[in-house]
């Protein structure tokens, strides 16, 4: 399972996976990871044309899947960002899980959630495929390292 730091480092090198599911309560680090992925997609050509953002509350999975299946315009990669996937109904989350079996390789489909039910199909599929990224609160040495890095910045 990749960490938020792994995703951020890969994004800074322009290397993105087709799907990421960022889950956890560490909002600051999740937002920084989202920003790194956005910057990576923008740097691949036609900034702003290839980013689509959705909120999961009341969202129909078919709509976001259609966006994820859309090819990028004048660029190699497009970003589809789905915030609050945990606010979607279990049925819609199951529909999203089916997309993970055959994602569009020219799209980076980035989902965020505070918590996902580990028994749900979406969480199981994301974990099985290696798309799940755990954003646990920082503790101990990780927290100290983060504070030092922030103080230097």
Protein backbone atom coordinates (compact mmCIF):
# COMPACT_ATOMS: atom_id res chain seq x y z
CA UNK A 1 0.00 0.00 0.00
CA UNK A 2 1.60 3.31 -1.04
CA UNK A 3 1.82 6.22 1.38
CA UNK A 4 0.81 9.82 0.75
CA UNK A 5 4.51 10.63 0.55
CA UNK A 6 5.00 7.95 -2.14
CA UNK A 7 2.18 9.43 -4.23
CA UNK A 8 3.54 12.97 -3.83
CA UNK A 9 7.07 11.91 -4.83
CA UNK A 10 5.84 10.02 -7.90
CA UNK A 11 3.64 12.96 -8.90
CA UNK A 12 6.60 15.34 -8.69
CA UNK A 13 8.37 13.06 -11.20
CA UNK A 14 5.33 13.02 -13.48
CA UNK A 15 4.57 9.37 -12.78
CA UNK A 16 0.92 8.80 -11.88
CA UNK A 17 -1.12 5.64 -11.42
CA UNK A 18 -4.57 5.33 -12.99
CA UNK A 19 -6.35 5.34 -9.60
CA UNK A 20 -5.68 6.53 -6.06
CA UNK A 21 -8.08 6.26 -3.13
CA UNK A 22 -6.81 8.51 -0.32
CA UNK A 23 -8.50 7.59 2.95
CA UNK A 24 -7.96 9.12 6.36
CA UNK A 25 -8.32 12.06 8.68
CA UNK A 26 -5.01 13.76 7.89
CA UNK A 27 -6.66 16.47 5.74
CA UNK A 28 -3.58 18.69 5.35
CA UNK A 29 -1.47 15.88 3.92
CA UNK A 30 -4.31 14.66 1.70
CA UNK A 31 -4.74 18.18 0.27
CA UNK A 32 -1.01 18.48 -0.35
CA UNK A 33 -1.08 15.16 -2.17
CA UNK A 34 -4.06 16.29 -4.26
CA UNK A 35 -2.20 19.52 -5.10
CA UNK A 36 0.91 17.57 -6.15
CA UNK A 37 -1.17 15.39 -8.48
CA UNK A 38 -2.92 18.48 -9.91
CA UNK A 39 0.42 20.15 -10.61
CA UNK A 40 1.70 16.99 -12.27
CA UNK A 41 -1.33 16.81 -14.56
CA UNK A 42 -1.10 20.54 -15.36
CA UNK A 43 2.57 20.14 -16.28
CA UNK A 44 1.67 17.44 -18.82
CA UNK A 45 -0.03 19.95 -21.12
CA UNK A 46 -3.16 22.12 -21.50
CA UNK A 47 -3.41 23.26 -17.85
CA UNK A 48 -6.97 23.48 -16.59
CA UNK A 49 -8.54 21.63 -19.52
CA UNK A 50 -7.93 18.18 -18.11
CA UNK A 51 -9.11 18.47 -14.52
CA UNK A 52 -12.64 17.65 -13.42
CA UNK A 53 -13.74 17.80 -9.76
CA UNK A 54 -16.77 16.11 -8.19
CA UNK A 55 -18.24 15.88 -4.70
CA UNK A 56 -19.56 12.47 -3.70
CA UNK A 57 -22.67 13.63 -1.86
CA UNK A 58 -25.65 12.68 -4.01
CA UNK A 59 -23.42 11.91 -7.00
CA UNK A 60 -24.33 9.29 -9.58
CA UNK A 61 -21.34 7.00 -10.16
CA UNK A 62 -22.11 6.79 -13.89
CA UNK A 63 -21.40 10.51 -14.23
CA UNK A 64 -17.95 10.36 -12.65
CA UNK A 65 -17.08 7.12 -14.47
CA UNK A 66 -17.97 8.79 -17.78
CA UNK A 67 -15.59 11.62 -16.87
CA UNK A 68 -12.86 9.11 -15.99
CA UNK A 69 -13.33 7.34 -19.34
CA UNK A 70 -13.01 10.63 -21.27
CA UNK A 71 -9.69 11.06 -23.07
CA UNK A 72 -7.47 14.05 -22.21
CA UNK A 73 -7.47 17.11 -24.45
CA UNK A 74 -4.06 18.19 -25.84
CA UNK A 75 -2.26 16.31 -23.06
CA UNK A 76 -1.19 12.83 -22.03
CA UNK A 77 -3.15 12.64 -18.79
CA UNK A 78 -6.35 13.96 -17.30
CA UNK A 79 -7.33 14.20 -13.61
CA UNK A 80 -10.73 13.28 -12.25
CA UNK A 81 -10.94 14.21 -8.58
CA UNK A 82 -13.79 12.78 -6.52
CA UNK A 83 -13.91 14.28 -3.04
CA UNK A 84 -15.91 12.62 -0.27
CA UNK A 85 -16.41 9.27 -1.99
CA UNK A 86 -17.55 8.06 1.45
CA UNK A 87 -20.64 10.32 1.11
CA UNK A 88 -21.87 8.27 -1.86
CA UNK A 89 -24.44 5.55 -1.33
CA UNK A 90 -23.14 1.98 -1.00
CA UNK A 91 -24.71 1.16 -4.38
CA UNK A 92 -22.86 4.01 -6.10
CA UNK A 93 -19.60 3.01 -4.38
CA UNK A 94 -20.10 -0.53 -5.71
CA UNK A 95 -20.54 0.91 -9.21
CA UNK A 96 -17.25 2.77 -8.80
CA UNK A 97 -15.55 -0.46 -7.69
CA UNK A 98 -16.30 -1.96 -11.10
CA UNK A 99 -14.29 0.86 -12.75
CA UNK A 100 -11.20 -0.22 -10.79
CA UNK A 101 -11.11 -3.50 -12.73
CA UNK A 102 -10.45 -1.67 -16.01
CA UNK A 103 -9.41 1.96 -15.41
CA UNK A 104 -8.59 4.38 -18.22
CA UNK A 105 -4.79 4.59 -18.23
CA UNK A 106 -4.85 8.15 -19.61
CA UNK A 107 -6.82 9.35 -16.56
CA UNK A 108 -5.64 9.70 -12.99
CA UNK A 109 -8.82 9.04 -10.99
CA UNK A 110 -8.19 10.40 -7.49
CA UNK A 111 -10.76 9.75 -4.75
CA UNK A 112 -10.68 11.07 -1.20
CA UNK A 113 -12.58 9.91 1.88
CA UNK A 114 -12.38 10.31 5.62
CA UNK A 115 -13.35 6.68 6.13
CA UNK A 116 -14.37 3.75 3.94
CA UNK A 117 -16.09 0.62 5.17
CA UNK A 118 -13.43 -2.06 4.77
CA UNK A 119 -16.14 -4.62 3.96
CA UNK A 120 -17.48 -2.58 1.03
CA UNK A 121 -16.62 -3.54 -2.55
CA UNK A 122 -14.91 -0.23 -3.27
CA UNK A 123 -12.52 -0.53 -0.31
CA UNK A 124 -11.80 -4.19 -1.07
CA UNK A 125 -11.17 -3.54 -4.77
CA UNK A 126 -8.94 -0.52 -4.05
CA UNK A 127 -6.90 -2.48 -1.53
CA UNK A 128 -6.60 -5.53 -3.80
CA UNK A 129 -5.41 -3.42 -6.76
CA UNK A 130 -2.98 -1.40 -4.62
CA UNK A 131 -4.88 1.88 -5.10
CA UNK A 132 -5.70 2.44 -1.43
CA UNK A 133 -3.54 5.08 0.29
CA UNK A 134 -3.93 5.35 4.06
CA UNK A 135 -3.73 8.90 5.46
CA UNK A 136 -3.34 8.09 9.13
CA UNK A 137 -2.60 10.89 11.59
CA UNK A 138 1.13 11.42 12.02
CA UNK A 139 2.66 10.16 15.25
CA UNK A 140 6.08 9.72 16.79
CA UNK A 141 9.06 9.98 14.44
CA UNK A 142 6.84 10.72 11.43
CA UNK A 143 5.31 13.70 13.22
CA UNK A 144 8.72 15.01 14.30
CA UNK A 145 10.03 14.69 10.74
CA UNK A 146 6.99 16.55 9.39
CA UNK A 147 7.41 19.39 11.90
CA UNK A 148 11.11 19.74 11.02
CA UNK A 149 10.33 19.84 7.31
CA UNK A 150 7.61 22.46 7.87
CA UNK A 151 9.94 24.59 9.98
CA UNK A 152 12.54 24.56 7.18
CA UNK A 153 9.98 25.53 4.52
